[in-house]
Amino acid sequence: MSGKFVKADGVEICPDLAAKAVEGVEKLRKKMEKYSDTSNACEISISQGDIFDQDLSQFDFIFFHATTFTDGTLEMVKAKLSREMKVGARLAIVSKRCDDIDNFEPLNTVPGGIGWKPISQVDEKWQLDCYLYQKTEEID
């Protein structure tokens, strides 16, 4: 809960999952307070809500776990991201590709020389790829 990020906001549409996320963040916060210096801790908030009601223009990094997104939902998300994300902001998305967003570029290398690749999973039946993109330009 420290490092490069000062603030992290999470939005989950499912009330039960939002409550679990809040619970998880609180457990993590307590462990961090017990075992480390929290003076540079990232402020984390989780809310129950709809991502389509959120203004995404303020964020530098957006993560979607899109495993259950339908094609229609994914198209709506991509249009929102294309319109609202600021240039230079990054998108990480699990299990769905967004290579067809005209003003986004797939990132194969993160600054600092860290390569981006699918994350290995313990259980092969849950093998999920994670893709990283950066918004490169505004659209008209």
Protein backbone atom coordinates (compact mmCIF):
# COMPACT_ATOMS: atom_id res chain seq x y z
CA MET A 1 0.00 0.00 0.00
CA SER A 2 2.89 2.29 -0.70
CA GLY A 3 5.08 3.10 -3.62
CA LYS A 4 4.24 5.03 -6.75
CA PHE A 5 0.52 5.37 -6.15
CA VAL A 6 -0.90 7.92 -3.73
CA LYS A 7 -4.52 6.89 -4.16
CA ALA A 8 -6.37 3.85 -5.49
CA ASP A 9 -10.12 3.72 -6.10
CA GLY A 10 -11.99 0.52 -6.81
CA VAL A 11 -15.51 0.14 -8.17
CA GLU A 12 -17.38 -3.16 -8.08
CA ILE A 13 -20.94 -3.56 -9.35
CA CYS A 14 -21.73 -6.66 -7.26
CA PRO A 15 -22.54 -5.63 -3.65
CA ASP A 16 -21.16 -8.88 -2.15
CA LEU A 17 -17.86 -8.58 -4.03
CA ALA A 18 -17.57 -4.88 -3.13
CA ALA A 19 -18.03 -5.75 0.56
CA LYS A 20 -15.40 -8.53 0.30
CA ALA A 21 -12.98 -6.10 -1.36
CA VAL A 22 -13.48 -3.54 1.43
CA GLU A 23 -12.87 -6.30 3.97
CA GLY A 24 -9.71 -7.41 2.15
CA VAL A 25 -8.31 -3.88 1.99
CA GLU A 26 -8.92 -3.44 5.72
CA LYS A 27 -7.10 -6.72 6.50
CA LEU A 28 -4.18 -5.64 4.33
CA ARG A 29 -4.08 -2.21 5.96
CA LYS A 30 -3.91 -3.76 9.45
CA LYS A 31 -1.06 -6.09 8.42
CA MET A 32 0.82 -3.19 6.85
CA GLU A 33 0.44 -1.12 10.02
CA LYS A 34 1.72 -4.01 12.11
CA TYR A 35 4.74 -4.93 9.99
CA SER A 36 5.87 -1.80 8.14
CA ASP A 37 6.07 1.96 7.98
CA THR A 38 2.76 3.28 6.63
CA SER A 39 3.78 6.95 6.34
CA ASN A 40 3.79 6.64 2.53
CA ALA A 41 0.78 4.33 2.37
CA CYS A 42 -1.50 4.54 -0.62
CA GLU A 43 -5.05 5.65 0.20
CA ILE A 44 -7.37 2.86 -0.98
CA SER A 45 -11.13 3.08 -1.33
CA ILE A 46 -13.61 0.56 -2.68
CA SER A 47 -17.19 1.41 -3.56
CA GLN A 48 -20.14 -0.48 -4.90
CA GLY A 49 -21.24 1.06 -8.18
CA ASP A 50 -21.32 0.97 -11.95
CA ILE A 51 -18.15 1.78 -13.88
CA PHE A 52 -20.27 3.50 -16.52
CA ASP A 53 -21.22 6.10 -13.88
CA GLN A 54 -17.55 6.87 -13.11
CA ASP A 55 -15.39 9.62 -14.61
CA LEU A 56 -12.24 7.82 -15.77
CA SER A 57 -10.36 10.97 -16.82
CA GLN A 58 -8.62 11.40 -13.45
CA PHE A 59 -6.87 8.03 -13.40
CA ASP A 60 -3.33 7.15 -14.49
CA PHE A 61 -3.94 3.40 -14.37
CA ILE A 62 -7.16 1.42 -14.85
CA PHE A 63 -7.59 -2.31 -14.25
CA PHE A 64 -10.50 -4.43 -15.48
CA HIS A 65 -11.06 -8.07 -14.63
CA ALA A 66 -13.14 -8.65 -17.76
CA THR A 67 -13.52 -12.42 -17.69
CA THR A 68 -17.33 -12.27 -17.56
CA PHE A 69 -17.76 -9.29 -19.92
CA THR A 70 -19.99 -10.00 -22.89
CA ASP A 71 -18.88 -8.72 -26.30
CA GLY A 72 -21.39 -5.87 -25.94
CA THR A 73 -20.11 -4.88 -22.51
CA LEU A 74 -16.53 -5.01 -23.72
CA GLU A 75 -17.37 -2.72 -26.67
CA MET A 76 -19.04 -0.22 -24.29
CA VAL A 77 -16.00 -0.32 -21.97
CA LYS A 78 -13.57 0.22 -24.85
CA ALA A 79 -15.59 3.20 -26.13
CA LYS A 80 -15.65 4.74 -22.63
CA LEU A 81 -11.92 4.22 -22.16
CA SER A 82 -11.15 5.69 -25.57
CA ARG A 83 -13.21 8.81 -24.79
CA GLU A 84 -12.33 9.38 -21.14
CA MET A 85 -8.84 8.14 -20.34
CA LYS A 86 -6.11 10.76 -20.50
CA VAL A 87 -3.16 10.42 -22.85
CA GLY A 88 -0.40 8.41 -21.19
CA ALA A 89 -2.78 6.55 -18.87
CA ARG A 90 -2.47 2.77 -18.79
CA LEU A 91 -5.01 -0.01 -18.96
CA ALA A 92 -4.53 -3.53 -17.61
CA ILE A 93 -7.25 -5.96 -18.60
CA VAL A 94 -7.58 -9.63 -17.69
CA SER A 95 -8.79 -12.18 -20.24
CA LYS A 96 -9.87 -9.77 -22.98
CA ARG A 97 -7.79 -8.04 -25.62
CA CYS A 98 -8.23 -4.41 -26.61
CA ASP A 99 -5.88 -4.31 -29.59
CA ASP A 100 -8.63 -2.74 -31.71
CA ILE A 101 -8.86 0.57 -29.79
CA ASP A 102 -7.38 3.03 -32.31
CA ASN A 103 -5.87 5.44 -29.78
CA PHE A 104 -4.32 2.77 -27.54
CA GLU A 105 -1.02 0.97 -27.99
CA PRO A 106 -0.17 -2.43 -26.53
CA LEU A 107 2.77 -2.17 -24.13
CA ASN A 108 5.27 -4.97 -24.53
CA THR A 109 7.77 -3.33 -22.21
CA VAL A 110 7.08 -1.22 -19.17
CA PRO A 111 9.55 1.66 -18.48
CA GLY A 112 12.39 0.26 -16.44
CA GLY A 113 12.77 -2.77 -18.67
CA ILE A 114 10.07 -4.96 -17.15
CA GLY A 115 8.43 -7.08 -19.83
CA TRP A 116 4.69 -7.69 -19.77
CA LYS A 117 3.41 -11.17 -20.36
CA PRO A 118 0.51 -13.40 -19.38
CA ILE A 119 0.61 -14.29 -15.70
CA SER A 120 1.16 -17.94 -14.82
CA GLN A 121 -1.69 -19.52 -12.93
CA VAL A 122 -1.52 -22.28 -10.34
CA ASP A 123 -4.49 -24.10 -11.84
CA GLU A 124 -4.45 -24.44 -15.63
CA LYS A 125 -8.24 -24.36 -15.89
CA TRP A 126 -8.09 -20.72 -14.66
CA GLN A 127 -5.33 -19.68 -17.07
CA LEU A 128 -6.07 -15.99 -17.67
CA ASP A 129 -4.04 -13.65 -19.83
CA CYS A 130 -3.45 -10.07 -18.73
CA TYR A 131 -2.81 -7.35 -21.31
CA LEU A 132 -1.36 -3.87 -20.81
CA TYR A 133 -2.10 -0.85 -23.00
CA GLN A 134 -1.34 2.86 -22.98
CA LYS A 135 -3.55 5.62 -24.37
CA THR A 136 -1.50 7.39 -27.02
CA GLU A 137 -3.75 10.16 -28.33
CA GLU A 138 -7.10 11.90 -27.99
CA ILE A 139 -9.77 11.19 -30.55
CA ASP A 140 -12.08 13.73 -32.15
